[in-house]
Amino acid sequence: MSAALPIAAAGEENSGFDTAGFLSACTGFVPDVGYAVPMDTQCVSQAVRMCKLSQEMKALQHCADSAAAWLEADGARIVSLMLGFDKRVLDGSGPAGLSLPIPALGDAPDCTQVSDPNLPTEVACRYSEALSEWLKLRTLMRSKEMTGEASQ
C-alpha cells in the first residue's frame, strides 16, 4: 500500500474532502491483477467525483487540479523507487520508447484535442497528461521485469 502524500492544491484544506488521502488509500487497495489499470482509473475518477460532491458540484476545476497534483506527486514517488529509471521510456518515441500492451496508454494526450466544456483547457490537459503518465508508471511499477518483484 502506498503511503499518503501531503499534496493538496490551493484551497484543498477547506474542501471538506481529502483528495490526496482518498487516492493514496484507494490505489493502495488495488491488487496486482489483470484489471489493475481500470481499477486505478476508477480510484482517480471517484476521487474527482467525491471532491466535486463535497463542493456541491461547483468545483470541478479545483478537483481535477487536485487529482492532477496527486498523480504528478505519486508518479514522482514511483520513479524514485525505480533506480536508474529513465522517464524518456514513457515518451513512446525513439529507441527508448515504451510500447505498452494497452493502446490507451501508448502516447501522451494531444492537448490540442483535450477539451471539456466544464474545464479550462490547461486544467483538462494537465489532468489528462498526469493520468496518462501515472497509469504507465503504475503498470511499470507492477512489472516484475522493471522492479525485480511485483510491487502490489
Protein backbone atom coordinates (compact mmCIF):
# COMPACT_ATOMS: atom_id res chain seq x y z
CA MET A 1 0.00 0.00 0.00
CA SER A 2 1.32 3.45 -0.86
CA ALA A 3 1.83 5.98 1.88
CA ALA A 4 -0.35 9.07 1.99
CA LEU A 5 1.26 12.04 0.34
CA PRO A 6 0.74 15.51 1.81
CA ILE A 7 -0.17 17.01 -1.56
CA ALA A 8 -3.03 19.46 -1.84
CA ALA A 9 -3.97 22.09 -4.36
CA ALA A 10 -4.68 25.60 -3.19
CA GLY A 11 -7.80 25.59 -1.04
CA GLU A 12 -7.79 21.80 -0.60
CA GLU A 13 -7.81 22.10 3.18
CA ASN A 14 -11.19 23.86 3.01
CA SER A 15 -12.83 21.49 0.53
CA GLY A 16 -14.15 19.01 3.06
CA PHE A 17 -12.68 16.16 1.02
CA ASP A 18 -9.13 14.84 1.21
CA THR A 19 -8.41 14.06 -2.44
CA ALA A 20 -4.80 13.04 -1.80
CA GLY A 21 -5.75 10.85 1.15
CA PHE A 22 -8.54 9.16 -0.81
CA LEU A 23 -6.27 8.49 -3.79
CA SER A 24 -3.48 7.12 -1.59
CA ALA A 25 -5.88 4.80 0.21
CA CYS A 26 -7.85 3.68 -2.83
CA THR A 27 -4.86 2.95 -5.05
CA GLY A 28 -3.19 1.19 -2.13
CA PHE A 29 -6.00 -1.38 -2.21
CA VAL A 30 -5.67 -2.14 -5.94
CA PRO A 31 -4.16 -5.62 -6.29
CA ASP A 32 -1.69 -6.72 -8.96
CA VAL A 33 -4.31 -8.26 -11.26
CA GLY A 34 -5.20 -8.04 -14.93
CA TYR A 35 -7.75 -5.30 -14.29
CA ALA A 36 -5.47 -3.17 -12.11
CA VAL A 37 -5.32 -0.29 -14.63
CA PRO A 38 -9.13 0.09 -14.81
CA MET A 39 -9.23 -0.17 -11.02
CA ASP A 40 -6.60 2.58 -10.71
CA THR A 41 -8.60 4.69 -13.15
CA GLN A 42 -11.76 4.19 -11.10
CA CYS A 43 -9.93 5.42 -7.99
CA VAL A 44 -8.99 8.65 -9.78
CA SER A 45 -12.46 9.15 -11.27
CA GLN A 46 -14.13 8.52 -7.93
CA ALA A 47 -11.77 10.94 -6.15
CA VAL A 48 -12.74 13.72 -8.56
CA ARG A 49 -16.45 12.88 -8.14
CA MET A 50 -16.22 12.80 -4.34
CA CYS A 51 -14.32 16.09 -4.28
CA LYS A 52 -16.93 17.65 -6.56
CA LEU A 53 -19.77 16.41 -4.34
CA SER A 54 -18.06 17.88 -1.29
CA GLN A 55 -18.11 21.23 -3.09
CA GLU A 56 -21.79 20.86 -4.01
CA MET A 57 -20.88 20.18 -7.63
CA LYS A 58 -19.27 23.63 -8.08
CA ALA A 59 -15.56 22.88 -8.07
CA LEU A 60 -14.66 20.58 -10.96
CA GLN A 61 -11.62 22.69 -11.84
CA HIS A 62 -10.30 22.55 -8.28
CA CYS A 63 -10.98 18.80 -8.03
CA ALA A 64 -9.35 17.94 -11.37
CA ASP A 65 -6.37 20.10 -10.45
CA SER A 66 -6.09 18.43 -7.01
CA ALA A 67 -6.18 14.98 -8.61
CA ALA A 68 -3.56 16.02 -11.19
CA ALA A 69 -1.28 17.31 -8.42
CA TRP A 70 -1.55 13.98 -6.60
CA LEU A 71 -0.97 11.98 -9.81
CA GLU A 72 2.18 14.01 -10.54
CA ALA A 73 3.49 13.59 -6.99
CA ASP A 74 2.73 9.88 -6.88
CA GLY A 75 4.34 9.46 -10.30
CA ALA A 76 7.50 11.10 -8.94
CA ARG A 77 7.36 8.73 -5.96
CA ILE A 78 7.10 5.71 -8.26
CA VAL A 79 10.02 6.93 -10.39
CA SER A 80 12.11 7.35 -7.24
CA LEU A 81 11.51 3.67 -6.41
CA MET A 82 12.87 2.50 -9.77
CA LEU A 83 16.60 3.09 -9.51
CA GLY A 84 18.15 4.21 -12.77
CA PHE A 85 14.76 4.64 -14.44
CA ASP A 86 14.80 6.98 -17.44
CA LYS A 87 11.47 8.80 -17.85
CA ARG A 88 12.13 9.09 -21.58
CA VAL A 89 10.97 5.48 -21.73
CA LEU A 90 7.44 6.80 -21.25
CA ASP A 91 7.59 9.02 -24.34
CA GLY A 92 6.92 6.18 -26.74
CA SER A 93 9.28 7.62 -29.33
CA GLY A 94 12.76 6.60 -30.34
CA PRO A 95 14.65 3.52 -29.20
CA ALA A 96 13.89 4.16 -25.52
CA GLY A 97 10.15 4.34 -26.22
CA LEU A 98 7.82 2.16 -24.21
CA SER A 99 5.25 0.13 -26.08
CA LEU A 100 2.64 -0.86 -23.54
CA PRO A 101 0.12 -3.56 -24.47
CA ILE A 102 -2.73 -1.20 -23.61
CA PRO A 103 -3.48 1.08 -26.60
CA ALA A 104 -4.99 3.84 -24.45
CA LEU A 105 -1.69 4.17 -22.60
CA GLY A 106 0.51 4.44 -25.67
CA ASP A 107 1.04 8.12 -26.41
CA ALA A 108 0.65 11.15 -24.20
CA PRO A 109 -2.60 13.02 -24.80
CA ASP A 110 -2.58 15.65 -27.53
CA CYS A 111 -3.52 18.77 -25.62
CA THR A 112 -4.90 20.38 -28.75
CA GLN A 113 -7.51 17.61 -28.74
CA VAL A 114 -8.22 17.54 -24.98
CA SER A 115 -11.30 19.51 -24.06
CA ASP A 116 -14.06 19.54 -21.50
CA PRO A 117 -16.82 22.13 -21.59
CA ASN A 118 -16.58 22.47 -17.81
CA LEU A 119 -12.80 22.87 -17.53
CA PRO A 120 -10.22 25.34 -18.80
CA THR A 121 -8.02 23.71 -21.45
CA GLU A 122 -4.92 23.96 -19.23
CA VAL A 123 -6.57 22.03 -16.39
CA ALA A 124 -8.03 19.39 -18.70
CA CYS A 125 -4.65 18.95 -20.37
CA ARG A 126 -2.72 18.77 -17.08
CA TYR A 127 -5.16 16.19 -15.73
CA SER A 128 -5.02 14.10 -18.94
CA GLU A 129 -1.23 14.18 -19.12
CA ALA A 130 -0.83 13.39 -15.42
CA LEU A 131 -3.28 10.48 -15.61
CA SER A 132 -1.65 9.05 -18.74
CA GLU A 133 1.87 9.16 -17.27
CA TRP A 134 0.73 7.87 -13.87
CA LEU A 135 -1.06 4.87 -15.40
CA LYS A 136 2.09 3.99 -17.35
CA LEU A 137 4.19 4.28 -14.20
CA ARG A 138 1.73 2.15 -12.20
CA THR A 139 1.93 -0.50 -14.91
CA LEU A 140 5.72 -0.43 -14.81
CA MET A 141 5.73 -0.49 -11.02
CA ARG A 142 3.76 -3.71 -11.09
CA SER A 143 6.04 -5.23 -13.71
CA LYS A 144 8.41 -7.87 -12.40
CA GLU A 145 10.84 -7.01 -15.19
CA MET A 146 11.16 -3.37 -14.10
CA THR A 147 11.29 -3.77 -10.32
CA GLY A 148 12.61 -7.29 -9.86
CA GLU A 149 9.44 -8.19 -7.99
CA ALA A 150 5.76 -7.39 -8.14
CA SER A 151 5.16 -4.22 -6.18
CA GLN A 152 1.46 -4.56 -5.48
